[in-house]
Amino acid sequence: MNDQTIPHVGIVTYRPQHKDRLIAKWYSNELDSGEIGTGVAIGPTDDGFPGIYHITYHLADGTELGNYDLEITQQGDAYQLTWRSPTGIAYRGIGILMGTGLVAGYRRVDE
């Protein structure tokens, strides 16, 4: 399998920083640097992770990469994640709780 056939996949963690704010750390197979990106999600955290957030992601050097509306829904002990851009669904993922954080794998959606 060559790099042309590997889909855009990644991993992300979300940890509460304070009320209504999550901090993200993420990595994707599209990055060649091996450096971890960051993000800040703003949204209601009263019920834990489920909810709709507005998130801004940054590369490791601080360059803004993008903004999304992130919806997190809980299904039993697992979580479904959907990232939306102005043009529609951009990514989907699944995750589980690890300590005080949410860890998820994700994949780009080609629509």
N, C-alpha and C. Protein backbone atom coordinates (compact mmCIF):
# COMPACT_ATOMS: atom_id res chain seq x y z
N MET A 1 0.85 -1.17 0.00
CA MET A 1 0.00 0.00 0.00
C MET A 1 0.90 1.24 0.00
N ASN A 2 0.67 2.16 -0.91
CA ASN A 2 1.47 3.39 -0.94
C ASN A 2 0.72 4.52 -0.25
N ASP A 3 1.40 5.65 -0.06
CA ASP A 3 0.80 6.78 0.64
C ASP A 3 -0.45 7.31 -0.04
N GLN A 4 -0.60 7.08 -1.33
CA GLN A 4 -1.77 7.58 -2.06
C GLN A 4 -3.06 6.88 -1.62
N THR A 5 -2.96 5.67 -1.08
CA THR A 5 -4.16 4.92 -0.74
C THR A 5 -4.51 4.98 0.75
N ILE A 6 -3.65 5.56 1.56
CA ILE A 6 -3.94 5.66 2.99
C ILE A 6 -4.89 6.83 3.22
N PRO A 7 -6.04 6.58 3.82
CA PRO A 7 -6.97 7.69 4.07
C PRO A 7 -6.42 8.64 5.13
N HIS A 8 -6.95 9.84 5.16
CA HIS A 8 -6.57 10.82 6.19
C HIS A 8 -7.19 10.36 7.50
N VAL A 9 -6.33 9.90 8.40
CA VAL A 9 -6.78 9.46 9.72
C VAL A 9 -5.94 10.15 10.78
N GLY A 10 -6.46 10.18 12.00
CA GLY A 10 -5.71 10.80 13.08
C GLY A 10 -6.25 10.41 14.43
N ILE A 11 -5.61 10.97 15.44
CA ILE A 11 -6.02 10.75 16.83
C ILE A 11 -6.05 12.09 17.53
N VAL A 12 -6.99 12.24 18.45
CA VAL A 12 -7.15 13.50 19.18
C VAL A 12 -7.54 13.20 20.62
N THR A 13 -7.06 14.03 21.54
CA THR A 13 -7.50 13.97 22.93
C THR A 13 -8.12 15.31 23.30
N TYR A 14 -9.15 15.25 24.11
CA TYR A 14 -9.79 16.46 24.64
C TYR A 14 -9.78 16.36 26.16
N ARG A 15 -9.34 17.43 26.80
CA ARG A 15 -9.33 17.50 28.26
C ARG A 15 -9.97 18.81 28.69
N PRO A 16 -10.81 18.75 29.73
CA PRO A 16 -11.40 20.00 30.22
C PRO A 16 -10.31 20.91 30.79
N GLN A 17 -10.35 22.17 30.41
CA GLN A 17 -9.43 23.15 30.98
C GLN A 17 -10.13 23.90 32.11
N HIS A 18 -11.32 24.37 31.83
CA HIS A 18 -12.21 24.94 32.83
C HIS A 18 -13.60 24.94 32.23
N LYS A 19 -14.58 25.47 32.92
CA LYS A 19 -15.96 25.43 32.46
C LYS A 19 -16.08 25.93 31.02
N ASP A 20 -16.74 25.13 30.20
CA ASP A 20 -17.06 25.46 28.80
C ASP A 20 -15.82 25.59 27.91
N ARG A 21 -14.73 24.91 28.27
CA ARG A 21 -13.51 24.99 27.45
C ARG A 21 -12.76 23.65 27.52
N LEU A 22 -12.51 23.07 26.34
CA LEU A 22 -11.71 21.86 26.22
C LEU A 22 -10.41 22.19 25.49
N ILE A 23 -9.34 21.52 25.88
CA ILE A 23 -8.05 21.66 25.20
C ILE A 23 -7.80 20.37 24.42
N ALA A 24 -7.43 20.51 23.16
CA ALA A 24 -7.18 19.36 22.29
C ALA A 24 -5.69 19.22 22.01
N LYS A 25 -5.26 17.97 21.87
CA LYS A 25 -3.97 17.62 21.29
C LYS A 25 -4.28 16.60 20.21
N TRP A 26 -3.67 16.77 19.03
CA TRP A 26 -4.03 15.91 17.91
C TRP A 26 -2.82 15.61 17.03
N TYR A 27 -2.94 14.53 16.27
CA TYR A 27 -1.93 14.19 15.27
C TYR A 27 -2.64 13.48 14.12
N SER A 28 -2.16 13.73 12.91
CA SER A 28 -2.75 13.13 11.71
C SER A 28 -1.66 12.56 10.83
N ASN A 29 -2.01 11.55 10.04
CA ASN A 29 -1.03 10.97 9.13
C ASN A 29 -0.64 11.91 8.00
N GLU A 30 -1.31 13.05 7.87
CA GLU A 30 -0.93 14.03 6.85
C GLU A 30 0.24 14.91 7.29
N LEU A 31 0.58 14.88 8.57
CA LEU A 31 1.70 15.68 9.07
C LEU A 31 2.98 14.87 8.92
N ASP A 32 4.03 15.52 8.47
CA ASP A 32 5.32 14.85 8.33
C ASP A 32 6.26 15.19 9.48
N SER A 33 5.90 16.16 10.29
CA SER A 33 6.82 16.68 11.30
C SER A 33 6.94 15.80 12.54
N GLY A 34 5.93 14.99 12.83
CA GLY A 34 5.92 14.24 14.08
C GLY A 34 5.56 15.09 15.28
N GLU A 35 5.20 16.35 15.04
CA GLU A 35 4.85 17.26 16.12
C GLU A 35 3.34 17.26 16.34
N ILE A 36 2.95 17.43 17.59
CA ILE A 36 1.55 17.37 18.00
C ILE A 36 0.90 18.74 17.86
N GLY A 37 -0.27 18.79 17.21
CA GLY A 37 -1.04 20.02 17.11
C GLY A 37 -1.90 20.22 18.34
N THR A 38 -2.50 21.41 18.45
CA THR A 38 -3.34 21.74 19.59
C THR A 38 -4.67 22.31 19.12
N GLY A 39 -5.57 22.50 20.04
CA GLY A 39 -6.85 23.11 19.72
C GLY A 39 -7.55 23.58 20.97
N VAL A 40 -8.50 24.48 20.79
CA VAL A 40 -9.33 24.98 21.88
C VAL A 40 -10.78 24.88 21.44
N ALA A 41 -11.59 24.17 22.23
CA ALA A 41 -13.02 23.99 21.94
C ALA A 41 -13.82 24.76 22.98
N ILE A 42 -14.76 25.57 22.51
CA ILE A 42 -15.64 26.34 23.39
C ILE A 42 -17.06 25.81 23.25
N GLY A 43 -17.67 25.44 24.36
CA GLY A 43 -19.03 24.93 24.35
C GLY A 43 -19.43 24.47 25.74
N PRO A 44 -20.67 24.05 25.91
CA PRO A 44 -21.17 23.69 27.24
C PRO A 44 -20.56 22.38 27.75
N THR A 45 -19.98 22.42 28.94
CA THR A 45 -19.38 21.23 29.52
C THR A 45 -20.11 20.76 30.78
N ASP A 46 -21.29 21.31 31.05
CA ASP A 46 -22.03 20.95 32.26
C ASP A 46 -22.36 19.46 32.32
N ASP A 47 -22.58 18.83 31.17
CA ASP A 47 -22.92 17.40 31.12
C ASP A 47 -21.74 16.55 30.70
N GLY A 48 -20.53 17.01 30.93
CA GLY A 48 -19.35 16.26 30.50
C GLY A 48 -18.98 16.63 29.07
N PHE A 49 -18.61 15.64 28.27
CA PHE A 49 -18.16 15.91 26.90
C PHE A 49 -19.28 16.09 25.87
N PRO A 50 -20.44 15.42 26.01
CA PRO A 50 -21.46 15.59 24.98
C PRO A 50 -21.88 17.04 24.80
N GLY A 51 -22.06 17.44 23.55
CA GLY A 51 -22.47 18.81 23.24
C GLY A 51 -21.93 19.26 21.91
N ILE A 52 -22.19 20.51 21.59
CA ILE A 52 -21.69 21.11 20.34
C ILE A 52 -20.71 22.20 20.72
N TYR A 53 -19.53 22.13 20.13
CA TYR A 53 -18.43 23.05 20.43
C TYR A 53 -17.99 23.75 19.16
N HIS A 54 -17.43 24.94 19.31
CA HIS A 54 -16.72 25.59 18.21
C HIS A 54 -15.24 25.42 18.54
N ILE A 55 -14.50 24.80 17.61
CA ILE A 55 -13.10 24.50 17.90
C ILE A 55 -12.18 25.08 16.84
N THR A 56 -11.05 25.59 17.30
CA THR A 56 -9.99 26.09 16.43
C THR A 56 -8.76 25.23 16.67
N TYR A 57 -8.21 24.68 15.58
CA TYR A 57 -7.02 23.84 15.66
C TYR A 57 -5.80 24.61 15.17
N HIS A 58 -4.65 24.27 15.77
CA HIS A 58 -3.38 24.89 15.41
C HIS A 58 -2.31 23.82 15.17
N LEU A 59 -1.39 24.12 14.27
CA LEU A 59 -0.20 23.29 14.12
C LEU A 59 0.71 23.51 15.32
N ALA A 60 1.72 22.67 15.46
CA ALA A 60 2.63 22.77 16.61
C ALA A 60 3.32 24.12 16.69
N ASP A 61 3.55 24.78 15.55
CA ASP A 61 4.22 26.09 15.56
C ASP A 61 3.27 27.24 15.85
N GLY A 62 1.99 26.94 16.10
CA GLY A 62 1.01 27.97 16.42
C GLY A 62 0.19 28.45 15.24
N THR A 63 0.52 28.02 14.03
CA THR A 63 -0.25 28.41 12.84
C THR A 63 -1.67 27.87 12.94
N GLU A 64 -2.66 28.75 12.75
CA GLU A 64 -4.05 28.30 12.78
C GLU A 64 -4.31 27.41 11.57
N LEU A 65 -4.91 26.25 11.83
CA LEU A 65 -5.17 25.28 10.78
C LEU A 65 -6.61 25.30 10.30
N GLY A 66 -7.56 25.50 11.22
CA GLY A 66 -8.96 25.49 10.81
C GLY A 66 -9.91 25.60 11.98
N ASN A 67 -11.16 25.92 11.64
CA ASN A 67 -12.25 26.05 12.61
C ASN A 67 -13.37 25.09 12.22
N TYR A 68 -13.94 24.46 13.21
CA TYR A 68 -15.02 23.50 12.98
C TYR A 68 -16.07 23.63 14.08
N ASP A 69 -17.26 23.16 13.78
CA ASP A 69 -18.26 22.89 14.80
C ASP A 69 -18.14 21.41 15.09
N LEU A 70 -17.86 21.08 16.33
CA LEU A 70 -17.64 19.70 16.76
C LEU A 70 -18.83 19.25 17.60
N GLU A 71 -19.49 18.19 17.15
CA GLU A 71 -20.58 17.60 17.92
C GLU A 71 -20.11 16.29 18.53
N ILE A 72 -20.25 16.17 19.84
CA ILE A 72 -19.89 14.95 20.56
C ILE A 72 -21.16 14.38 21.16
N THR A 73 -21.46 13.12 20.82
CA THR A 73 -22.62 12.44 21.39
C THR A 73 -22.13 11.17 22.09
N GLN A 74 -22.82 10.82 23.16
CA GLN A 74 -22.46 9.63 23.93
C GLN A 74 -23.39 8.49 23.56
N GLN A 75 -22.79 7.30 23.37
CA GLN A 75 -23.54 6.08 23.11
C GLN A 75 -23.01 5.02 24.07
N GLY A 76 -23.67 4.87 25.21
CA GLY A 76 -23.16 3.96 26.24
C GLY A 76 -21.85 4.50 26.78
N ASP A 77 -20.82 3.66 26.74
CA ASP A 77 -19.49 4.08 27.21
C ASP A 77 -18.64 4.68 26.10
N ALA A 78 -19.17 4.74 24.90
CA ALA A 78 -18.42 5.26 23.74
C ALA A 78 -18.97 6.62 23.31
N TYR A 79 -18.22 7.29 22.46
CA TYR A 79 -18.60 8.62 21.97
C TYR A 79 -18.47 8.66 20.45
N GLN A 80 -19.40 9.37 19.82
CA GLN A 80 -19.36 9.64 18.39
C GLN A 80 -19.00 11.11 18.22
N LEU A 81 -18.09 11.42 17.30
CA LEU A 81 -17.67 12.80 17.06
C LEU A 81 -17.89 13.15 15.60
N THR A 82 -18.41 14.34 15.35
CA THR A 82 -18.62 14.84 14.00
C THR A 82 -18.11 16.27 13.93
N TRP A 83 -17.19 16.52 12.98
CA TRP A 83 -16.65 17.86 12.77
C TRP A 83 -17.29 18.43 11.51
N ARG A 84 -17.89 19.60 11.62
CA ARG A 84 -18.54 20.23 10.48
C ARG A 84 -17.83 21.53 10.11
N SER A 85 -17.65 21.71 8.81
CA SER A 85 -17.12 22.97 8.26
C SER A 85 -18.29 23.66 7.57
N PRO A 86 -18.10 24.87 7.04
CA PRO A 86 -19.20 25.54 6.33
C PRO A 86 -19.73 24.75 5.13
N THR A 87 -18.93 23.83 4.59
CA THR A 87 -19.36 23.06 3.43
C THR A 87 -19.97 21.71 3.78
N GLY A 88 -20.05 21.37 5.06
CA GLY A 88 -20.66 20.10 5.46
C GLY A 88 -19.77 19.32 6.41
N ILE A 89 -20.06 18.03 6.55
CA ILE A 89 -19.29 17.18 7.46
C ILE A 89 -17.90 16.97 6.89
N ALA A 90 -16.89 17.28 7.71
CA ALA A 90 -15.50 17.15 7.28
C ALA A 90 -14.84 15.88 7.83
N TYR A 91 -15.14 15.53 9.08
CA TYR A 91 -14.52 14.38 9.74
C TYR A 91 -15.55 13.69 10.62
N ARG A 92 -15.31 12.39 10.85
CA ARG A 92 -16.09 11.61 11.81
C ARG A 92 -15.11 10.81 12.65
N GLY A 93 -15.50 10.57 13.92
CA GLY A 93 -14.63 9.80 14.78
C GLY A 93 -15.39 9.07 15.86
N ILE A 94 -14.65 8.20 16.55
CA ILE A 94 -15.19 7.46 17.69
C ILE A 94 -14.19 7.56 18.82
N GLY A 95 -14.69 7.56 20.06
CA GLY A 95 -13.77 7.72 21.18
C GLY A 95 -14.26 7.08 22.46
N ILE A 96 -13.36 7.08 23.44
CA ILE A 96 -13.65 6.57 24.77
C ILE A 96 -12.99 7.49 25.80
N LEU A 97 -13.48 7.41 27.03
CA LEU A 97 -12.87 8.17 28.12
C LEU A 97 -11.60 7.47 28.58
N MET A 98 -10.59 8.28 28.87
CA MET A 98 -9.34 7.80 29.47
C MET A 98 -8.97 8.81 30.55
N GLY A 99 -9.12 8.41 31.80
CA GLY A 99 -8.89 9.35 32.90
C GLY A 99 -9.91 10.47 32.82
N THR A 100 -9.43 11.71 32.82
CA THR A 100 -10.34 12.86 32.75
C THR A 100 -10.53 13.35 31.32
N GLY A 101 -9.98 12.63 30.34
CA GLY A 101 -10.05 13.08 28.96
C GLY A 101 -10.82 12.13 28.06
N LEU A 102 -11.08 12.61 26.86
CA LEU A 102 -11.71 11.84 25.80
C LEU A 102 -10.66 11.62 24.72
N VAL A 103 -10.46 10.37 24.33
CA VAL A 103 -9.50 10.01 23.29
C VAL A 103 -10.28 9.46 22.11
N ALA A 104 -9.99 9.97 20.90
CA ALA A 104 -10.76 9.55 19.73
C ALA A 104 -9.86 9.39 18.51
N GLY A 105 -10.22 8.44 17.68
CA GLY A 105 -9.65 8.33 16.35
C GLY A 105 -10.62 8.99 15.38
N TYR A 106 -10.10 9.51 14.27
CA TYR A 106 -10.98 10.17 13.31
C TYR A 106 -10.51 9.93 11.89
N ARG A 107 -11.43 10.18 10.96
CA ARG A 107 -11.16 10.02 9.54
C ARG A 107 -11.87 11.13 8.77
N ARG A 108 -11.21 11.60 7.72
CA ARG A 108 -11.83 12.60 6.84
C ARG A 108 -13.01 11.96 6.12
N VAL A 109 -14.06 12.74 5.93
CA VAL A 109 -15.24 12.29 5.19
C VAL A 109 -15.19 12.95 3.82
N ASP A 110 -15.21 12.14 2.79
CA ASP A 110 -15.22 12.67 1.42
C ASP A 110 -16.65 12.69 0.92
N GLU A 111 -17.25 13.90 0.92
CA GLU A 111 -18.64 14.03 0.47
C GLU A 111 -18.70 14.87 -0.78
